Amino acid sequence: MRIDEVLQRIQGEFVEMPGLRLTTAQAQRLWGLDRDVCDALLGALVDAKFLAQTRDGAYVRMDGARPTTLVGAARGKRDFAVA
């Protein structure tokens, strides 16, 4: 699966399940990702203001956040741009 498809899937899960709250480990298992890729993707979605990270490290969808397209995801870095 391509990185942009994984990002769409992640965002889709958070949109379809209001109140979804996942730790990095849970997200890794749910989407079958390795730790570095999962961290990069979740971090990019936090940077894009789609997700927020709670004090205990869980990821939740920000109120009113809409799915976004991220450019640069294939590089596996946190310096993604929002398109």
N, C-alpha and C. Protein backbone atom coordinates (compact mmCIF):
# COMPACT_ATOMS: atom_id res chain seq x y z
N MET A 1 0.84 -1.17 0.00
CA MET A 1 0.00 0.00 0.00
C MET A 1 0.89 1.25 0.00
N ARG A 2 0.54 2.23 -0.80
CA ARG A 2 1.32 3.46 -0.89
C ARG A 2 1.09 4.32 0.35
N ILE A 3 2.07 5.18 0.64
CA ILE A 3 2.01 6.03 1.83
C ILE A 3 0.76 6.92 1.80
N ASP A 4 0.44 7.50 0.64
CA ASP A 4 -0.73 8.37 0.58
C ASP A 4 -2.02 7.59 0.84
N GLU A 5 -2.04 6.32 0.43
CA GLU A 5 -3.20 5.47 0.71
C GLU A 5 -3.31 5.17 2.20
N VAL A 6 -2.17 4.95 2.84
CA VAL A 6 -2.17 4.69 4.28
C VAL A 6 -2.65 5.93 5.03
N LEU A 7 -2.18 7.10 4.61
CA LEU A 7 -2.64 8.35 5.24
C LEU A 7 -4.14 8.52 5.10
N GLN A 8 -4.67 8.22 3.91
CA GLN A 8 -6.12 8.31 3.70
C GLN A 8 -6.86 7.33 4.60
N ARG A 9 -6.31 6.14 4.72
CA ARG A 9 -6.94 5.12 5.57
C ARG A 9 -6.95 5.56 7.04
N ILE A 10 -5.83 6.08 7.51
CA ILE A 10 -5.74 6.54 8.89
C ILE A 10 -6.77 7.64 9.15
N GLN A 11 -6.80 8.62 8.27
CA GLN A 11 -7.75 9.71 8.44
C GLN A 11 -9.19 9.19 8.36
N GLY A 12 -9.44 8.28 7.45
CA GLY A 12 -10.78 7.70 7.32
C GLY A 12 -11.23 7.00 8.59
N GLU A 13 -10.33 6.29 9.24
CA GLU A 13 -10.67 5.60 10.49
C GLU A 13 -11.08 6.60 11.56
N PHE A 14 -10.31 7.69 11.67
CA PHE A 14 -10.62 8.70 12.69
C PHE A 14 -11.92 9.43 12.37
N VAL A 15 -12.23 9.63 11.09
CA VAL A 15 -13.49 10.28 10.71
C VAL A 15 -14.68 9.36 10.96
N GLU A 16 -14.52 8.08 10.60
CA GLU A 16 -15.62 7.12 10.73
C GLU A 16 -15.92 6.73 12.16
N MET A 17 -14.93 6.86 13.04
CA MET A 17 -15.11 6.46 14.44
C MET A 17 -14.84 7.64 15.36
N PRO A 18 -15.81 8.53 15.51
CA PRO A 18 -15.61 9.66 16.43
C PRO A 18 -15.21 9.15 17.82
N GLY A 19 -14.27 9.82 18.40
CA GLY A 19 -13.80 9.40 19.73
C GLY A 19 -12.69 8.36 19.68
N LEU A 20 -12.27 7.96 18.47
CA LEU A 20 -11.17 6.99 18.36
C LEU A 20 -9.94 7.58 19.02
N ARG A 21 -9.29 6.74 19.82
CA ARG A 21 -8.12 7.16 20.60
C ARG A 21 -7.13 6.00 20.53
N LEU A 22 -5.97 6.24 19.93
CA LEU A 22 -4.99 5.18 19.73
C LEU A 22 -3.61 5.61 20.20
N THR A 23 -2.91 4.68 20.83
CA THR A 23 -1.50 4.88 21.11
C THR A 23 -0.73 4.51 19.84
N THR A 24 0.53 4.84 19.81
CA THR A 24 1.35 4.47 18.65
C THR A 24 1.36 2.96 18.48
N ALA A 25 1.50 2.21 19.56
CA ALA A 25 1.54 0.75 19.47
C ALA A 25 0.23 0.21 18.91
N GLN A 26 -0.89 0.76 19.34
CA GLN A 26 -2.19 0.32 18.82
C GLN A 26 -2.33 0.65 17.34
N ALA A 27 -1.88 1.84 16.95
CA ALA A 27 -1.94 2.25 15.55
C ALA A 27 -1.06 1.34 14.69
N GLN A 28 0.11 0.99 15.18
CA GLN A 28 1.00 0.08 14.46
C GLN A 28 0.30 -1.24 14.17
N ARG A 29 -0.33 -1.80 15.18
CA ARG A 29 -1.01 -3.09 15.01
C ARG A 29 -2.21 -2.96 14.08
N LEU A 30 -3.00 -1.91 14.26
CA LEU A 30 -4.21 -1.72 13.46
C LEU A 30 -3.89 -1.60 11.97
N TRP A 31 -2.86 -0.83 11.64
CA TRP A 31 -2.55 -0.58 10.24
C TRP A 31 -1.35 -1.36 9.72
N GLY A 32 -0.76 -2.21 10.55
CA GLY A 32 0.36 -3.06 10.12
C GLY A 32 1.59 -2.27 9.70
N LEU A 33 1.93 -1.25 10.50
CA LEU A 33 3.07 -0.38 10.18
C LEU A 33 4.23 -0.62 11.13
N ASP A 34 5.45 -0.36 10.65
CA ASP A 34 6.57 -0.42 11.59
C ASP A 34 6.62 0.88 12.37
N ARG A 35 7.35 0.89 13.46
CA ARG A 35 7.35 2.01 14.41
C ARG A 35 7.74 3.34 13.76
N ASP A 36 8.82 3.35 12.98
CA ASP A 36 9.29 4.60 12.38
C ASP A 36 8.28 5.20 11.41
N VAL A 37 7.69 4.36 10.58
CA VAL A 37 6.69 4.84 9.61
C VAL A 37 5.46 5.34 10.35
N CYS A 38 5.01 4.59 11.34
CA CYS A 38 3.83 4.98 12.11
C CYS A 38 4.07 6.32 12.81
N ASP A 39 5.22 6.48 13.44
CA ASP A 39 5.55 7.74 14.10
C ASP A 39 5.55 8.90 13.11
N ALA A 40 6.13 8.68 11.94
CA ALA A 40 6.21 9.74 10.93
C ALA A 40 4.83 10.14 10.43
N LEU A 41 3.97 9.15 10.17
CA LEU A 41 2.64 9.44 9.66
C LEU A 41 1.77 10.13 10.71
N LEU A 42 1.79 9.62 11.92
CA LEU A 42 1.01 10.25 12.99
C LEU A 42 1.53 11.66 13.27
N GLY A 43 2.83 11.82 13.26
CA GLY A 43 3.43 13.13 13.46
C GLY A 43 3.03 14.12 12.36
N ALA A 44 2.98 13.64 11.13
CA ALA A 44 2.57 14.50 10.02
C ALA A 44 1.12 14.93 10.18
N LEU A 45 0.28 14.03 10.66
CA LEU A 45 -1.13 14.37 10.86
C LEU A 45 -1.32 15.32 12.05
N VAL A 46 -0.44 15.25 13.02
CA VAL A 46 -0.45 16.23 14.12
C VAL A 46 -0.02 17.59 13.58
N ASP A 47 1.06 17.60 12.79
CA ASP A 47 1.55 18.85 12.21
C ASP A 47 0.50 19.49 11.31
N ALA A 48 -0.31 18.66 10.64
CA ALA A 48 -1.36 19.16 9.75
C ALA A 48 -2.62 19.57 10.52
N LYS A 49 -2.58 19.42 11.83
CA LYS A 49 -3.72 19.78 12.70
C LYS A 49 -4.94 18.89 12.47
N PHE A 50 -4.70 17.65 12.00
CA PHE A 50 -5.79 16.68 11.88
C PHE A 50 -5.91 15.88 13.17
N LEU A 51 -4.75 15.50 13.73
CA LEU A 51 -4.71 14.77 15.00
C LEU A 51 -4.05 15.62 16.07
N ALA A 52 -4.34 15.28 17.31
CA ALA A 52 -3.66 15.85 18.46
C ALA A 52 -3.16 14.69 19.31
N GLN A 53 -2.07 14.93 20.02
CA GLN A 53 -1.55 13.91 20.92
C GLN A 53 -1.87 14.32 22.34
N THR A 54 -2.48 13.40 23.08
CA THR A 54 -2.86 13.68 24.46
C THR A 54 -1.65 13.59 25.38
N ARG A 55 -1.83 14.01 26.61
CA ARG A 55 -0.73 13.95 27.59
C ARG A 55 -0.20 12.54 27.78
N ASP A 56 -1.10 11.56 27.66
CA ASP A 56 -0.65 10.17 27.86
C ASP A 56 -0.15 9.53 26.56
N GLY A 57 -0.01 10.31 25.49
CA GLY A 57 0.59 9.81 24.27
C GLY A 57 -0.37 9.26 23.24
N ALA A 58 -1.66 9.26 23.52
CA ALA A 58 -2.64 8.74 22.56
C ALA A 58 -2.92 9.80 21.50
N TYR A 59 -3.36 9.34 20.34
CA TYR A 59 -3.72 10.24 19.24
C TYR A 59 -5.23 10.29 19.10
N VAL A 60 -5.76 11.51 18.95
CA VAL A 60 -7.19 11.73 18.79
C VAL A 60 -7.38 12.75 17.66
N ARG A 61 -8.54 12.69 17.02
CA ARG A 61 -8.84 13.65 15.97
C ARG A 61 -9.19 15.00 16.60
N MET A 62 -8.65 16.06 16.03
CA MET A 62 -8.97 17.40 16.53
C MET A 62 -10.40 17.75 16.15
N ASP A 63 -11.08 18.48 17.01
CA ASP A 63 -12.45 18.90 16.75
C ASP A 63 -12.56 19.61 15.41
N GLY A 64 -13.46 19.13 14.57
CA GLY A 64 -13.72 19.76 13.27
C GLY A 64 -12.68 19.50 12.21
N ALA A 65 -11.65 18.71 12.52
CA ALA A 65 -10.60 18.45 11.53
C ALA A 65 -11.15 17.65 10.37
N ARG A 66 -10.76 18.06 9.17
CA ARG A 66 -11.16 17.36 7.96
C ARG A 66 -9.95 16.69 7.35
N PRO A 67 -10.17 15.56 6.66
CA PRO A 67 -9.04 14.88 6.01
C PRO A 67 -8.28 15.84 5.09
N THR A 68 -6.99 15.66 5.04
CA THR A 68 -6.11 16.52 4.25
C THR A 68 -5.17 15.66 3.42
N THR A 69 -4.59 16.26 2.41
CA THR A 69 -3.58 15.59 1.60
C THR A 69 -2.23 16.09 2.06
N LEU A 70 -1.32 15.17 2.31
CA LEU A 70 0.02 15.54 2.75
C LEU A 70 1.00 15.25 1.63
N VAL A 71 1.85 16.21 1.32
CA VAL A 71 2.85 16.06 0.28
C VAL A 71 4.18 15.74 0.94
N GLY A 72 4.91 14.78 0.40
CA GLY A 72 6.22 14.45 0.94
C GLY A 72 6.18 13.24 1.85
N ALA A 73 5.04 12.59 1.98
CA ALA A 73 4.92 11.46 2.89
C ALA A 73 5.82 10.30 2.52
N ALA A 74 6.12 10.13 1.26
CA ALA A 74 6.91 8.98 0.81
C ALA A 74 8.35 9.04 1.32
N ARG A 75 8.80 10.22 1.71
CA ARG A 75 10.18 10.33 2.21
C ARG A 75 10.34 9.79 3.61
N GLY A 76 9.21 9.59 4.33
CA GLY A 76 9.28 9.05 5.68
C GLY A 76 9.85 10.02 6.70
N LYS A 77 9.69 11.32 6.47
CA LYS A 77 10.19 12.32 7.40
C LYS A 77 9.01 13.09 7.98
N ARG A 78 9.27 13.84 9.04
CA ARG A 78 8.21 14.63 9.66
C ARG A 78 8.04 15.99 9.01
N ASP A 79 8.82 16.31 7.98
CA ASP A 79 8.70 17.63 7.35
C ASP A 79 7.75 17.57 6.16
N PHE A 80 6.56 17.06 6.39
CA PHE A 80 5.54 16.94 5.37
C PHE A 80 4.90 18.30 5.15
N ALA A 81 4.38 18.53 3.99
CA ALA A 81 3.66 19.77 3.71
C ALA A 81 2.20 19.45 3.48
N VAL A 82 1.36 20.36 3.87
CA VAL A 82 -0.07 20.20 3.63
C VAL A 82 -0.40 20.79 2.27
N ALA A 83 -1.07 20.03 1.43
CA ALA A 83 -1.44 20.52 0.09
C ALA A 83 -2.88 20.95 0.09
